[in-house]
């Protein structure tokens, strides 16, 4: 039985998932500065007063836990992940992994030194639609994938103030230049490119036009060049007045393509050549025609009540399995660093007219002289 401590109210997203795996995991501690959040934890999770903490270090030192889910504001992610690793706890951390490039080096070194499991909680990779597209990709139904797009358009302007006081998002998200929050868009797309990696990015912006004093870009477009030469384009937009579309993806291959729904009755769709009709890519088909490609474990329905179409259940299941087997998960610290670095390097790119920035080759036992930003 893996005992989990949650840091931050965002971690409530895993509660339903853990409840559905009673033989494998349980939540035995909660930490948050907010008394109301701790009271909610007592009601939602069934914790006692002694299992609820206001101070993170107290939870690490005194709670009966094997692992920590770090769900605090992003500027605390690396600090609290490293503290947990040093305390001998496994970590699943919300996005983004860190807020500076130096933090990424610290995080990688801490994970390698600890020998503990670190999982990046990029739950958009686990949504059923993304899982179907990934299965189709692996089956070769799109041919060779050479281009992908991901978009995160989510008007978050109402989250930058609380009771007249700027929130952390005012500074660490919409007060930051560049593609500050790219991994919901990037992760699902990159999973269609197997072991390819991002080697260079360039970020462009139309500037800052909002009327509420945010210094971040209204939106950014980031072009990522992969080691293979293939391309991925990422849009991050949390200021523009428009309907939410947080999970738009598109991929193009030699045999066809996929596009997620954009709204107003649109549906996810694919167009692919078939053995008996090489021109079948000329006509759209709903992605639902290919639900049989959904991984078997999704078909059981056991995780359906968890968030993101059950995705929250399966990401927790993979975290628990990684702890049990001692093998780092697919969404490991190196992927966390690569995908997060797109955000951090984009700040330099966009403030220098879209200058191309080299993405480090994040990997185990990385040499010290490669832990740099190349201009």
Protein backbone atom coordinates (compact mmCIF):
# COMPACT_ATOMS: atom_id res chain seq x y z
CA UNK A 1 0.00 0.00 0.00
CA UNK A 2 1.51 3.30 -1.15
CA UNK A 3 0.72 6.14 1.24
CA UNK A 4 0.41 9.55 -0.42
CA UNK A 5 0.64 13.08 0.92
CA UNK A 6 -0.84 15.95 -1.09
CA UNK A 7 0.71 19.41 -1.13
CA UNK A 8 -1.71 22.02 -2.46
CA UNK A 9 -5.42 22.01 -3.21
CA UNK A 10 -4.86 21.29 -6.92
CA UNK A 11 -3.96 17.81 -5.70
CA UNK A 12 -7.61 17.13 -4.97
CA UNK A 13 -7.79 16.09 -8.63
CA UNK A 14 -6.27 12.71 -7.71
CA UNK A 15 -8.63 11.93 -4.84
CA UNK A 16 -11.20 10.07 -6.94
CA UNK A 17 -8.41 8.19 -8.70
CA UNK A 18 -6.87 6.95 -5.46
CA UNK A 19 -10.26 5.98 -4.06
CA UNK A 20 -10.62 3.60 -7.01
CA UNK A 21 -7.40 1.75 -6.19
CA UNK A 22 -7.95 0.86 -2.51
CA UNK A 23 -5.55 -2.09 -2.60
CA UNK A 24 -2.69 -0.06 -4.09
CA UNK A 25 -2.75 3.44 -2.62
CA UNK A 26 -4.33 5.74 -0.07
CA UNK A 27 -4.04 9.42 0.88
CA UNK A 28 -2.77 9.78 4.43
CA UNK A 29 -1.80 13.46 4.63
CA UNK A 30 -2.66 16.89 3.24
CA UNK A 31 -0.75 20.15 3.38
CA UNK A 32 -1.99 23.62 2.50
CA UNK A 33 -1.70 27.11 3.95
CA UNK A 34 -5.47 27.52 3.71
CA UNK A 35 -7.54 26.33 6.68
CA UNK A 36 -10.58 25.97 4.41
CA UNK A 37 -8.60 23.68 2.10
CA UNK A 38 -7.60 21.49 5.03
CA UNK A 39 -11.19 21.37 6.21
CA UNK A 40 -12.21 20.28 2.72
CA UNK A 41 -9.55 17.58 2.86
CA UNK A 42 -11.04 16.22 6.05
CA UNK A 43 -14.44 16.00 4.39
CA UNK A 44 -13.42 14.86 0.91
CA UNK A 45 -10.60 12.49 1.83
CA UNK A 46 -11.60 11.54 5.36
CA UNK A 47 -8.46 12.76 7.08
CA UNK A 48 -8.08 13.55 10.75
CA UNK A 49 -6.72 16.77 12.24
CA UNK A 50 -3.37 15.06 12.85
CA UNK A 51 -3.08 14.21 9.14
CA UNK A 52 -3.49 17.83 8.01
CA UNK A 53 -0.58 20.25 7.95
CA UNK A 54 -0.10 23.96 7.32
CA UNK A 55 3.67 23.64 6.94
CA UNK A 56 5.09 21.45 4.17
CA UNK A 57 8.25 20.53 6.06
CA UNK A 58 6.12 19.27 8.96
CA UNK A 59 4.25 16.92 6.63
CA UNK A 60 7.50 15.55 5.24
CA UNK A 61 8.94 15.02 8.70
CA UNK A 62 5.92 13.72 10.58
CA UNK A 63 3.32 12.26 8.22
CA UNK A 64 3.14 8.53 7.44
CA UNK A 65 3.72 8.84 3.68
CA UNK A 66 5.75 7.16 0.94
CA UNK A 67 5.10 9.71 -1.80
CA UNK A 68 4.16 13.34 -2.32
CA UNK A 69 1.97 14.92 -4.99
CA UNK A 70 3.28 18.48 -5.45
CA UNK A 71 0.31 20.61 -6.52
CA UNK A 72 1.30 24.02 -5.24
CA UNK A 73 1.89 27.15 -7.36
CA UNK A 74 4.56 26.54 -10.00
CA UNK A 75 7.27 28.66 -8.36
CA UNK A 76 7.39 26.11 -5.49
CA UNK A 77 7.52 22.94 -7.59
CA UNK A 78 11.27 22.37 -7.68
CA UNK A 79 11.91 23.39 -4.10
CA UNK A 80 9.22 21.10 -2.73
CA UNK A 81 10.06 18.22 -5.08
CA UNK A 82 13.70 18.29 -4.00
CA UNK A 83 12.72 18.48 -0.33
CA UNK A 84 10.51 15.41 -0.76
CA UNK A 85 13.23 13.47 -2.58
CA UNK A 86 15.75 14.34 0.11
CA UNK A 87 13.26 13.10 2.70
CA UNK A 88 13.12 9.75 0.91
CA UNK A 89 9.72 10.27 -0.72
CA UNK A 90 8.67 9.59 -4.30
CA UNK A 91 7.28 12.59 -6.19
CA UNK A 92 4.57 13.30 -8.72
CA UNK A 93 4.75 16.99 -9.64
CA UNK A 94 2.25 19.19 -11.42
CA UNK A 95 3.25 21.29 -14.45
CA UNK A 96 5.47 23.10 -15.07
CA UNK A 97 8.42 21.29 -13.52
CA UNK A 98 10.25 24.52 -12.63
CA UNK A 99 10.51 28.24 -13.35
CA UNK A 100 14.23 28.63 -14.15
CA UNK A 101 16.76 26.60 -16.11
CA UNK A 102 18.97 26.24 -13.04
CA UNK A 103 16.05 24.67 -11.21
CA UNK A 104 15.85 21.98 -13.90
CA UNK A 105 19.49 21.03 -13.33
CA UNK A 106 18.93 20.90 -9.57
CA UNK A 107 15.85 18.74 -10.03
CA UNK A 108 17.54 16.24 -12.34
CA UNK A 109 20.52 15.93 -10.00
CA UNK A 110 18.24 15.43 -6.99
CA UNK A 111 16.23 12.69 -8.71
CA UNK A 112 19.37 10.87 -9.83
CA UNK A 113 20.94 11.10 -6.38
CA UNK A 114 17.79 10.02 -4.53
CA UNK A 115 17.01 6.89 -6.54
CA UNK A 116 13.33 7.71 -5.99
CA UNK A 117 10.56 7.89 -8.58
CA UNK A 118 9.80 11.27 -10.10
CA UNK A 119 6.76 11.54 -12.37
CA UNK A 120 5.67 14.60 -14.31
CA UNK A 121 1.91 15.01 -13.89
CA UNK A 122 1.16 15.97 -17.50
CA UNK A 123 -2.32 14.49 -17.35
CA UNK A 124 -3.36 15.72 -20.80
CA UNK A 125 -1.23 12.88 -22.17
CA UNK A 126 -3.70 10.49 -20.54
CA UNK A 127 -7.00 11.75 -21.94
CA UNK A 128 -8.87 9.07 -23.93
CA UNK A 129 -8.79 11.04 -27.18
CA UNK A 130 -5.02 11.49 -26.98
CA UNK A 131 -4.60 7.81 -26.16
CA UNK A 132 -6.58 6.78 -29.25
CA UNK A 133 -4.50 9.04 -31.51
CA UNK A 134 -1.29 7.75 -30.00
CA UNK A 135 -2.40 4.15 -30.59
CA UNK A 136 -3.24 4.97 -34.20
CA UNK A 137 0.17 6.61 -34.58
CA UNK A 138 1.99 3.57 -33.21
CA UNK A 139 -0.03 1.34 -35.53
CA UNK A 140 1.24 3.39 -38.49
CA UNK A 141 -2.21 4.57 -39.53
CA UNK A 142 -0.97 8.13 -40.16
CA UNK A 143 2.25 6.93 -41.77
CA UNK A 144 5.35 8.84 -40.70
CA UNK A 145 4.41 11.84 -38.57
CA UNK A 146 6.34 14.95 -39.57
CA UNK A 147 4.32 17.86 -38.14
CA UNK A 148 2.23 18.53 -35.06
CA UNK A 149 0.36 21.38 -33.39
CA UNK A 150 -0.84 21.96 -29.85
CA UNK A 151 -2.86 24.87 -28.50
CA UNK A 152 -3.79 25.97 -25.01
CA UNK A 153 -6.32 28.80 -25.32
CA UNK A 154 -7.80 29.43 -21.90
CA UNK A 155 -8.92 32.89 -20.78
CA UNK A 156 -7.47 33.06 -17.26
CA UNK A 157 -7.77 36.80 -16.65
CA UNK A 158 -10.23 36.26 -13.81
CA UNK A 159 -7.57 34.25 -11.95
CA UNK A 160 -4.95 36.98 -11.66
CA UNK A 161 -6.63 38.80 -8.76
CA UNK A 162 -8.26 37.56 -5.55
CA UNK A 163 -10.03 39.98 -3.23
CA UNK A 164 -8.21 42.84 -4.94
CA UNK A 165 -4.77 41.31 -4.45
CA UNK A 166 -2.63 39.89 -7.30
CA UNK A 167 -2.36 36.10 -7.20
CA UNK A 168 0.73 34.05 -8.06
CA UNK A 169 -0.62 33.71 -11.59
CA UNK A 170 -0.36 37.49 -12.01
CA UNK A 171 3.42 37.18 -11.72
CA UNK A 172 4.51 33.64 -12.58
CA UNK A 173 2.16 33.04 -15.48
CA UNK A 174 0.66 36.12 -17.07
CA UNK A 175 3.44 38.35 -15.79
CA UNK A 176 6.02 36.29 -17.68
CA UNK A 177 7.00 36.67 -21.32
CA UNK A 178 7.02 33.70 -23.68
CA UNK A 179 5.17 30.38 -23.76
CA UNK A 180 5.09 30.07 -19.97
CA UNK A 181 2.71 27.07 -19.83
CA UNK A 182 3.37 24.87 -22.88
CA UNK A 183 3.32 21.29 -21.66
CA UNK A 184 -0.44 20.62 -21.90
CA UNK A 185 -0.04 21.38 -25.60
CA UNK A 186 3.40 19.90 -26.08
CA UNK A 187 3.17 16.59 -24.20
CA UNK A 188 0.38 14.87 -26.18
CA UNK A 189 1.90 15.98 -29.49
CA UNK A 190 5.44 14.89 -28.60
CA UNK A 191 4.17 11.43 -27.71
CA UNK A 192 3.37 10.95 -31.38
CA UNK A 193 7.06 11.36 -32.26
CA UNK A 194 8.36 8.32 -30.32
CA UNK A 195 11.83 9.05 -28.90
CA UNK A 196 12.43 12.20 -30.93
CA UNK A 197 13.37 15.27 -28.90
CA UNK A 198 13.21 19.04 -29.21
CA UNK A 199 16.56 20.57 -30.17
CA UNK A 200 15.65 24.19 -30.97
CA UNK A 201 12.79 26.61 -30.40
CA UNK A 202 11.79 30.05 -31.63
CA UNK A 203 8.95 32.02 -30.05
CA UNK A 204 6.98 34.91 -31.54
CA UNK A 205 4.40 37.26 -30.07
CA UNK A 206 2.06 39.98 -31.39
CA UNK A 207 2.86 41.98 -28.25
CA UNK A 208 0.93 43.03 -25.19
CA UNK A 209 -2.48 44.59 -25.75
CA UNK A 210 -4.49 43.69 -22.64
CA UNK A 211 -6.07 46.48 -20.61
CA UNK A 212 -5.57 45.02 -17.13
CA UNK A 213 -1.86 45.63 -16.64
CA UNK A 214 -0.47 42.17 -17.39
CA UNK A 215 3.04 42.31 -18.79
CA UNK A 216 2.92 38.91 -20.45
CA UNK A 217 2.36 38.43 -24.17
CA UNK A 218 -1.26 38.26 -25.26
CA UNK A 219 -0.32 35.00 -26.94
CA UNK A 220 2.77 33.23 -28.21
CA UNK A 221 3.51 30.90 -31.08
CA UNK A 222 6.52 28.66 -30.57
CA UNK A 223 8.06 26.58 -33.33
CA UNK A 224 9.95 23.55 -32.10
CA UNK A 225 12.45 21.79 -34.33
CA UNK A 226 13.05 18.15 -33.44
CA UNK A 227 16.28 16.18 -33.73
CA UNK A 228 14.81 14.49 -36.82
CA UNK A 229 14.10 17.86 -38.43
CA UNK A 230 10.34 17.50 -37.92
CA UNK A 231 8.29 20.42 -36.59
CA UNK A 232 5.88 21.07 -33.72
CA UNK A 233 4.04 24.38 -33.28
CA UNK A 234 2.69 25.43 -29.88
CA UNK A 235 0.26 28.24 -29.06
CA UNK A 236 -0.13 29.45 -25.48
CA UNK A 237 -2.89 32.03 -24.94
CA UNK A 238 -4.43 32.81 -21.55
CA UNK A 239 -5.34 36.46 -22.07
CA UNK A 240 -7.25 36.71 -25.37
CA UNK A 241 -11.05 37.02 -25.09
CA UNK A 242 -12.21 33.84 -26.78
CA UNK A 243 -13.93 30.53 -25.90
CA UNK A 244 -11.83 27.94 -24.11
CA UNK A 245 -10.09 25.35 -26.26
CA UNK A 246 -7.43 23.88 -24.00
CA UNK A 247 -6.94 20.59 -25.81
CA UNK A 248 -6.58 21.37 -29.49
CA UNK A 249 -4.08 19.12 -31.26
CA UNK A 250 -3.25 18.35 -34.87
CA UNK A 251 -0.79 15.94 -36.43
CA UNK A 252 0.16 15.36 -40.05
CA UNK A 253 1.70 12.22 -41.44
CA UNK A 254 2.46 10.67 -44.80
CA UNK A 255 -0.83 8.73 -44.80
CA UNK A 256 -3.20 11.18 -43.19
CA UNK A 257 -3.91 13.52 -40.33
CA UNK A 258 -5.82 14.20 -37.11
CA UNK A 259 -7.45 17.35 -35.78
CA UNK A 260 -9.12 17.84 -32.42
CA UNK A 261 -12.43 19.64 -32.07
CA UNK A 262 -12.39 23.44 -31.99
CA UNK A 263 -15.96 24.12 -30.86
CA UNK A 264 -19.46 24.96 -32.12
CA UNK A 265 -20.42 21.35 -32.71
CA UNK A 266 -17.07 20.29 -34.14
CA UNK A 267 -15.78 16.82 -33.29
CA UNK A 268 -12.34 15.24 -33.22
CA UNK A 269 -11.62 13.83 -36.65
CA UNK A 270 -9.11 11.92 -38.73
CA UNK A 271 -8.46 11.38 -42.41
CA UNK A 272 -6.30 8.39 -43.24
CA UNK A 273 -5.46 6.27 -46.27
CA UNK A 274 -6.54 2.63 -46.06
CA UNK A 275 -5.33 -0.56 -47.72
CA UNK A 276 -8.34 -0.66 -50.02
CA UNK A 277 -8.52 3.08 -50.63
CA UNK A 278 -5.31 5.07 -50.86
CA UNK A 279 -7.34 8.28 -51.31
CA UNK A 280 -9.35 7.85 -48.11
CA UNK A 281 -7.31 10.65 -46.54
CA UNK A 282 -9.39 13.08 -48.61
CA UNK A 283 -12.44 12.60 -46.38
CA UNK A 284 -12.80 13.31 -42.66
CA UNK A 285 -14.04 10.61 -40.31
CA UNK A 286 -14.96 11.13 -36.65
CA UNK A 287 -12.30 9.91 -34.27
CA UNK A 288 -15.05 7.97 -32.50
CA UNK A 289 -14.91 5.48 -35.40
CA UNK A 290 -11.58 4.37 -33.94
CA UNK A 291 -12.53 3.96 -30.28
CA UNK A 292 -11.58 0.31 -30.59
CA UNK A 293 -7.96 1.57 -30.58
CA UNK A 294 -8.35 2.83 -27.01
CA UNK A 295 -5.98 0.93 -24.67
CA UNK A 296 -7.65 -2.02 -22.98
CA UNK A 297 -7.37 -0.62 -19.48
CA UNK A 298 -9.47 2.39 -20.48
CA UNK A 299 -12.25 0.15 -21.75
CA UNK A 300 -12.93 -1.24 -18.29
CA UNK A 301 -14.35 2.10 -17.23
CA UNK A 302 -12.80 1.84 -13.76
CA UNK A 303 -11.28 5.30 -13.99
CA UNK A 304 -14.17 7.09 -15.66
CA UNK A 305 -15.21 9.05 -12.57
CA UNK A 306 -11.77 10.63 -12.25
CA UNK A 307 -11.06 13.88 -14.05
CA UNK A 308 -9.97 14.47 -17.67
CA UNK A 309 -12.06 11.60 -18.99
CA UNK A 310 -10.41 9.15 -16.62
CA UNK A 311 -6.93 10.40 -17.45
CA UNK A 312 -6.29 11.40 -13.83
CA UNK A 313 -6.87 7.80 -12.78
CA UNK A 314 -4.38 6.28 -15.20
CA UNK A 315 -1.61 8.76 -14.54
CA UNK A 316 -1.88 7.98 -10.82
CA UNK A 317 -1.95 4.25 -11.64
CA UNK A 318 1.29 4.61 -13.60
CA UNK A 319 2.87 6.55 -10.74
CA UNK A 320 1.93 3.83 -8.27
CA UNK A 321 3.19 1.12 -10.63
CA UNK A 322 6.51 2.95 -11.06
CA UNK A 323 6.96 3.03 -7.29
CA UNK A 324 6.19 -0.68 -7.02
CA UNK A 325 8.53 -1.71 -9.83
CA UNK A 326 11.25 0.83 -9.07
CA UNK A 327 11.35 1.85 -12.74
CA UNK A 328 11.07 5.50 -13.71
CA UNK A 329 7.82 6.24 -15.63
CA UNK A 330 7.61 7.38 -19.22
CA UNK A 331 6.89 10.92 -18.03
CA UNK A 332 10.18 11.08 -16.15
CA UNK A 333 12.33 13.98 -14.98
CA UNK A 334 14.10 14.27 -18.35
CA UNK A 335 10.85 14.75 -20.27
CA UNK A 336 9.69 17.14 -17.57
CA UNK A 337 12.85 19.18 -18.05
CA UNK A 338 12.71 19.13 -21.86
CA UNK A 339 9.07 20.19 -22.08
CA UNK A 340 9.44 22.81 -19.33
CA UNK A 341 12.59 24.21 -20.92
CA UNK A 342 10.51 25.24 -23.92
CA UNK A 343 8.73 27.71 -21.63
CA UNK A 344 11.93 29.02 -20.07
CA UNK A 345 13.92 29.36 -23.30
CA UNK A 346 10.94 30.96 -25.02
CA UNK A 347 11.30 33.93 -22.68
CA UNK A 348 14.74 34.64 -24.15
CA UNK A 349 13.57 33.94 -27.68
CA UNK A 350 10.51 36.18 -27.70
CA UNK A 351 12.34 39.09 -26.06
CA UNK A 352 14.99 38.85 -28.77
CA UNK A 353 12.74 38.91 -31.81
CA UNK A 354 12.15 35.16 -32.09
CA UNK A 355 15.80 34.21 -31.75
CA UNK A 356 16.42 30.47 -32.11
CA UNK A 357 17.35 28.87 -28.78
CA UNK A 358 19.07 25.50 -28.41
CA UNK A 359 17.32 23.01 -26.11
CA UNK A 360 19.74 20.93 -24.01
CA UNK A 361 19.77 17.16 -24.42
CA UNK A 362 18.34 16.27 -21.02
CA UNK A 363 19.45 12.77 -20.07
CA UNK A 364 20.94 10.67 -17.27
CA UNK A 365 24.38 11.66 -15.98
CA UNK A 366 24.43 14.74 -18.18
CA UNK A 367 27.91 16.38 -18.28
CA UNK A 368 28.29 19.60 -16.32
CA UNK A 369 29.48 21.57 -19.37
CA UNK A 370 26.22 20.78 -21.20
CA UNK A 371 24.07 22.27 -18.44
CA UNK A 372 24.06 25.67 -20.08
CA UNK A 373 21.93 27.94 -22.24
CA UNK A 374 23.44 28.23 -25.71
CA UNK A 375 22.94 31.53 -27.51
